[in-house]
């Protein structure tokens, strides 16, 4: 596994369930929003700046902000959903044309030089 998307999503989901079940965060919607934003930040930190992390990280952060805005601030879905779609599309286009590597060069899950050695 060379990217951090799945491990970070599993950790964020597990922490969200633990936080809810043990009463660490009293509001479920706030917990989900914080977990989504935290997962987006963690993906960008662990993977480094790649084409995939440039899309996945900010989109998760935007979804977390939209979740919080809908449940706690009273934003309407007719504003949130199109805004998220437009933002995700812009991020995909920016990642497509940005001079970024496809795989992590620096970061926790970056491939090491000695991975191609024969035993």
C-alpha atoms as a PDB file:
ATOM      1  CA  UNK A   1       0.000   0.000   0.000  1.00  0.00           C
ATOM      2  CA  UNK A   2       1.570   3.206  -1.150  1.00  0.00           C
ATOM      3  CA  UNK A   3      -0.989   5.865  -0.220  1.00  0.00           C
ATOM      4  CA  UNK A   4      -2.556   6.834   3.061  1.00  0.00           C
ATOM      5  CA  UNK A   5      -6.189   7.182   2.020  1.00  0.00           C
ATOM      6  CA  UNK A   6      -7.547   3.850   3.288  1.00  0.00           C
ATOM      7  CA  UNK A   7      -5.544   3.685   6.554  1.00  0.00           C
ATOM      8  CA  UNK A   8      -6.437   7.273   7.422  1.00  0.00           C
ATOM      9  CA  UNK A   9     -10.123   6.674   6.662  1.00  0.00           C
ATOM     10  CA  UNK A  10     -10.120   3.558   8.861  1.00  0.00           C
ATOM     11  CA  UNK A  11      -8.404   5.389  11.730  1.00  0.00           C
ATOM     12  CA  UNK A  12     -10.724   8.400  11.469  1.00  0.00           C
ATOM     13  CA  UNK A  13     -13.801   6.161  11.388  1.00  0.00           C
ATOM     14  CA  UNK A  14     -12.606   4.128  14.361  1.00  0.00           C
ATOM     15  CA  UNK A  15     -11.832   7.248  16.367  1.00  0.00           C
ATOM     16  CA  UNK A  16     -15.253   8.653  15.508  1.00  0.00           C
ATOM     17  CA  UNK A  17     -17.002   5.519  16.767  1.00  0.00           C
ATOM     18  CA  UNK A  18     -14.890   5.432  19.943  1.00  0.00           C
ATOM     19  CA  UNK A  19     -15.480   9.108  20.597  1.00  0.00           C
ATOM     20  CA  UNK A  20     -19.221   8.697  20.211  1.00  0.00           C
ATOM     21  CA  UNK A  21     -19.534   5.520  22.272  1.00  0.00           C
ATOM     22  CA  UNK A  22     -17.457   6.818  25.171  1.00  0.00           C
ATOM     23  CA  UNK A  23     -19.029  10.283  25.186  1.00  0.00           C
ATOM     24  CA  UNK A  24     -15.808  12.160  24.432  1.00  0.00           C
ATOM     25  CA  UNK A  25     -17.608  14.383  21.938  1.00  0.00           C
ATOM     26  CA  UNK A  26     -21.249  15.021  22.783  1.00  0.00           C
ATOM     27  CA  UNK A  27     -22.501  15.910  19.310  1.00  0.00           C
ATOM     28  CA  UNK A  28     -22.282  13.212  16.640  1.00  0.00           C
ATOM     29  CA  UNK A  29     -22.374  15.685  13.749  1.00  0.00           C
ATOM     30  CA  UNK A  30     -19.482  17.696  15.138  1.00  0.00           C
ATOM     31  CA  UNK A  31     -17.529  14.480  15.574  1.00  0.00           C
ATOM     32  CA  UNK A  32     -18.078  13.450  11.967  1.00  0.00           C
ATOM     33  CA  UNK A  33     -17.068  16.897  10.711  1.00  0.00           C
ATOM     34  CA  UNK A  34     -13.879  16.889  12.805  1.00  0.00           C
ATOM     35  CA  UNK A  35     -13.045  13.345  11.636  1.00  0.00           C
ATOM     36  CA  UNK A  36     -13.469  14.311   7.975  1.00  0.00           C
ATOM     37  CA  UNK A  37     -11.310  17.421   8.308  1.00  0.00           C
ATOM     38  CA  UNK A  38      -8.702  15.482  10.305  1.00  0.00           C
ATOM     39  CA  UNK A  39      -8.630  12.720   7.693  1.00  0.00           C
ATOM     40  CA  UNK A  40      -8.101  15.279   4.919  1.00  0.00           C
ATOM     41  CA  UNK A  41      -5.231  16.918   6.762  1.00  0.00           C
ATOM     42  CA  UNK A  42      -3.694  13.540   7.624  1.00  0.00           C
ATOM     43  CA  UNK A  43      -3.802  12.375   4.007  1.00  0.00           C
ATOM     44  CA  UNK A  44      -1.968  15.488   2.860  1.00  0.00           C
ATOM     45  CA  UNK A  45       0.633  15.140   5.630  1.00  0.00           C
ATOM     46  CA  UNK A  46       1.237  11.402   5.250  1.00  0.00           C
ATOM     47  CA  UNK A  47       1.239  11.157   1.459  1.00  0.00           C
ATOM     48  CA  UNK A  48       3.028  14.398   0.729  1.00  0.00           C
ATOM     49  CA  UNK A  49       1.908  16.459  -2.243  1.00  0.00           C
ATOM     50  CA  UNK A  50       0.811  14.093  -5.013  1.00  0.00           C
ATOM     51  CA  UNK A  51      -1.956  14.210  -7.570  1.00  0.00           C
ATOM     52  CA  UNK A  52      -4.144  11.931  -5.455  1.00  0.00           C
ATOM     53  CA  UNK A  53      -3.545  13.696  -2.139  1.00  0.00           C
ATOM     54  CA  UNK A  54      -4.121  17.090  -3.776  1.00  0.00           C
ATOM     55  CA  UNK A  55      -7.678  15.958  -4.528  1.00  0.00           C
ATOM     56  CA  UNK A  56      -8.505  13.614  -1.622  1.00  0.00           C
ATOM     57  CA  UNK A  57      -7.275  15.833   1.221  1.00  0.00           C
ATOM     58  CA  UNK A  58      -8.976  19.134   0.341  1.00  0.00           C
ATOM     59  CA  UNK A  59     -12.179  17.386  -0.775  1.00  0.00           C
ATOM     60  CA  UNK A  60     -12.435  15.585   2.588  1.00  0.00           C
ATOM     61  CA  UNK A  61     -11.844  18.888   4.357  1.00  0.00           C
ATOM     62  CA  UNK A  62     -14.551  20.553   2.259  1.00  0.00           C
ATOM     63  CA  UNK A  63     -16.980  17.702   2.985  1.00  0.00           C
ATOM     64  CA  UNK A  64     -16.271  18.085   6.706  1.00  0.00           C
ATOM     65  CA  UNK A  65     -16.942  21.825   6.525  1.00  0.00           C
ATOM     66  CA  UNK A  66     -20.133  21.168   4.552  1.00  0.00           C
ATOM     67  CA  UNK A  67     -21.257  18.560   7.089  1.00  0.00           C
ATOM     68  CA  UNK A  68     -20.725  20.979   9.964  1.00  0.00           C
ATOM     69  CA  UNK A  69     -22.416  23.783   8.059  1.00  0.00           C
ATOM     70  CA  UNK A  70     -25.470  21.660   7.309  1.00  0.00           C
ATOM     71  CA  UNK A  71     -26.036  20.174  10.753  1.00  0.00           C
ATOM     72  CA  UNK A  72     -24.794  22.921  13.053  1.00  0.00           C
ATOM     73  CA  UNK A  73     -25.065  26.169  11.080  1.00  0.00           C
ATOM     74  CA  UNK A  74     -28.227  25.483   9.095  1.00  0.00           C
ATOM     75  CA  UNK A  75     -26.769  25.653   5.591  1.00  0.00           C
ATOM     76  CA  UNK A  76     -28.996  24.244   2.849  1.00  0.00           C
ATOM     77  CA  UNK A  77     -28.102  21.164   0.820  1.00  0.00           C
ATOM     78  CA  UNK A  78     -28.962  23.013  -2.370  1.00  0.00           C
ATOM     79  CA  UNK A  79     -25.907  25.178  -1.646  1.00  0.00           C
ATOM     80  CA  UNK A  80     -23.570  22.557  -0.178  1.00  0.00           C
ATOM     81  CA  UNK A  81     -23.835  19.781  -2.779  1.00  0.00           C
ATOM     82  CA  UNK A  82     -23.233  21.916  -5.896  1.00  0.00           C
ATOM     83  CA  UNK A  83     -20.434  23.770  -4.107  1.00  0.00           C
ATOM     84  CA  UNK A  84     -18.724  20.477  -3.232  1.00  0.00           C
ATOM     85  CA  UNK A  85     -19.129  19.221  -6.793  1.00  0.00           C
ATOM     86  CA  UNK A  86     -17.603  22.399  -8.229  1.00  0.00           C
ATOM     87  CA  UNK A  87     -14.749  22.336  -5.702  1.00  0.00           C
ATOM     88  CA  UNK A  88     -13.993  18.646  -6.379  1.00  0.00           C
ATOM     89  CA  UNK A  89     -13.994  19.292 -10.125  1.00  0.00           C
ATOM     90  CA  UNK A  90     -11.600  22.224  -9.773  1.00  0.00           C
ATOM     91  CA  UNK A  91      -9.296  20.148  -7.566  1.00  0.00           C
ATOM     92  CA  UNK A  92      -9.299  17.299 -10.108  1.00  0.00           C
ATOM     93  CA  UNK A  93      -8.446  19.675 -12.932  1.00  0.00           C
ATOM     94  CA  UNK A  94      -5.747  21.352 -10.873  1.00  0.00           C
ATOM     95  CA  UNK A  95      -4.222  17.969 -10.018  1.00  0.00           C
ATOM     96  CA  UNK A  96      -4.363  16.902 -13.645  1.00  0.00           C
ATOM     97  CA  UNK A  97      -2.412  19.888 -14.907  1.00  0.00           C
ATOM     98  CA  UNK A  98      -0.152  20.426 -11.877  1.00  0.00           C
ATOM     99  CA  UNK A  99       3.444  19.238 -12.197  1.00  0.00           C
ATOM    100  CA  UNK A 100       3.074  16.772  -9.308  1.00  0.00           C
ATOM    101  CA  UNK A 101       4.159  13.136  -9.088  1.00  0.00           C
ATOM    102  CA  UNK A 102       1.560  10.374  -9.319  1.00  0.00           C
ATOM    103  CA  UNK A 103       3.052   8.538  -6.341  1.00  0.00           C
ATOM    104  CA  UNK A 104       4.466   9.830  -3.099  1.00  0.00           C
ATOM    105  CA  UNK A 105       8.071  10.973  -3.354  1.00  0.00           C
ATOM    106  CA  UNK A 106       8.258  12.250   0.210  1.00  0.00           C
ATOM    107  CA  UNK A 107       6.028  11.237   3.046  1.00  0.00           C
ATOM    108  CA  UNK A 108       5.399   8.274   5.292  1.00  0.00           C
ATOM    109  CA  UNK A 109       4.084   6.020   2.529  1.00  0.00           C
ATOM    110  CA  UNK A 110       6.650   6.997  -0.108  1.00  0.00           C
ATOM    111  CA  UNK A 111       8.391   4.137  -1.859  1.00  0.00           C
ATOM    112  CA  UNK A 112      11.873   3.430  -0.628  1.00  0.00           C
ATOM    113  CA  UNK A 113      14.885   2.955  -2.875  1.00  0.00           C
ATOM    114  CA  UNK A 114      15.564  -0.562  -1.654  1.00  0.00           C
ATOM    115  CA  UNK A 115      12.044  -1.893  -2.364  1.00  0.00           C
ATOM    116  CA  UNK A 116      13.127  -3.351  -5.715  1.00  0.00           C
ATOM    117  CA  UNK A 117      15.893  -5.579  -4.299  1.00  0.00           C
ATOM    118  CA  UNK A 118      15.769  -9.305  -4.985  1.00  0.00           C
ATOM    119  CA  UNK A 119      15.936 -11.568  -1.881  1.00  0.00           C
END
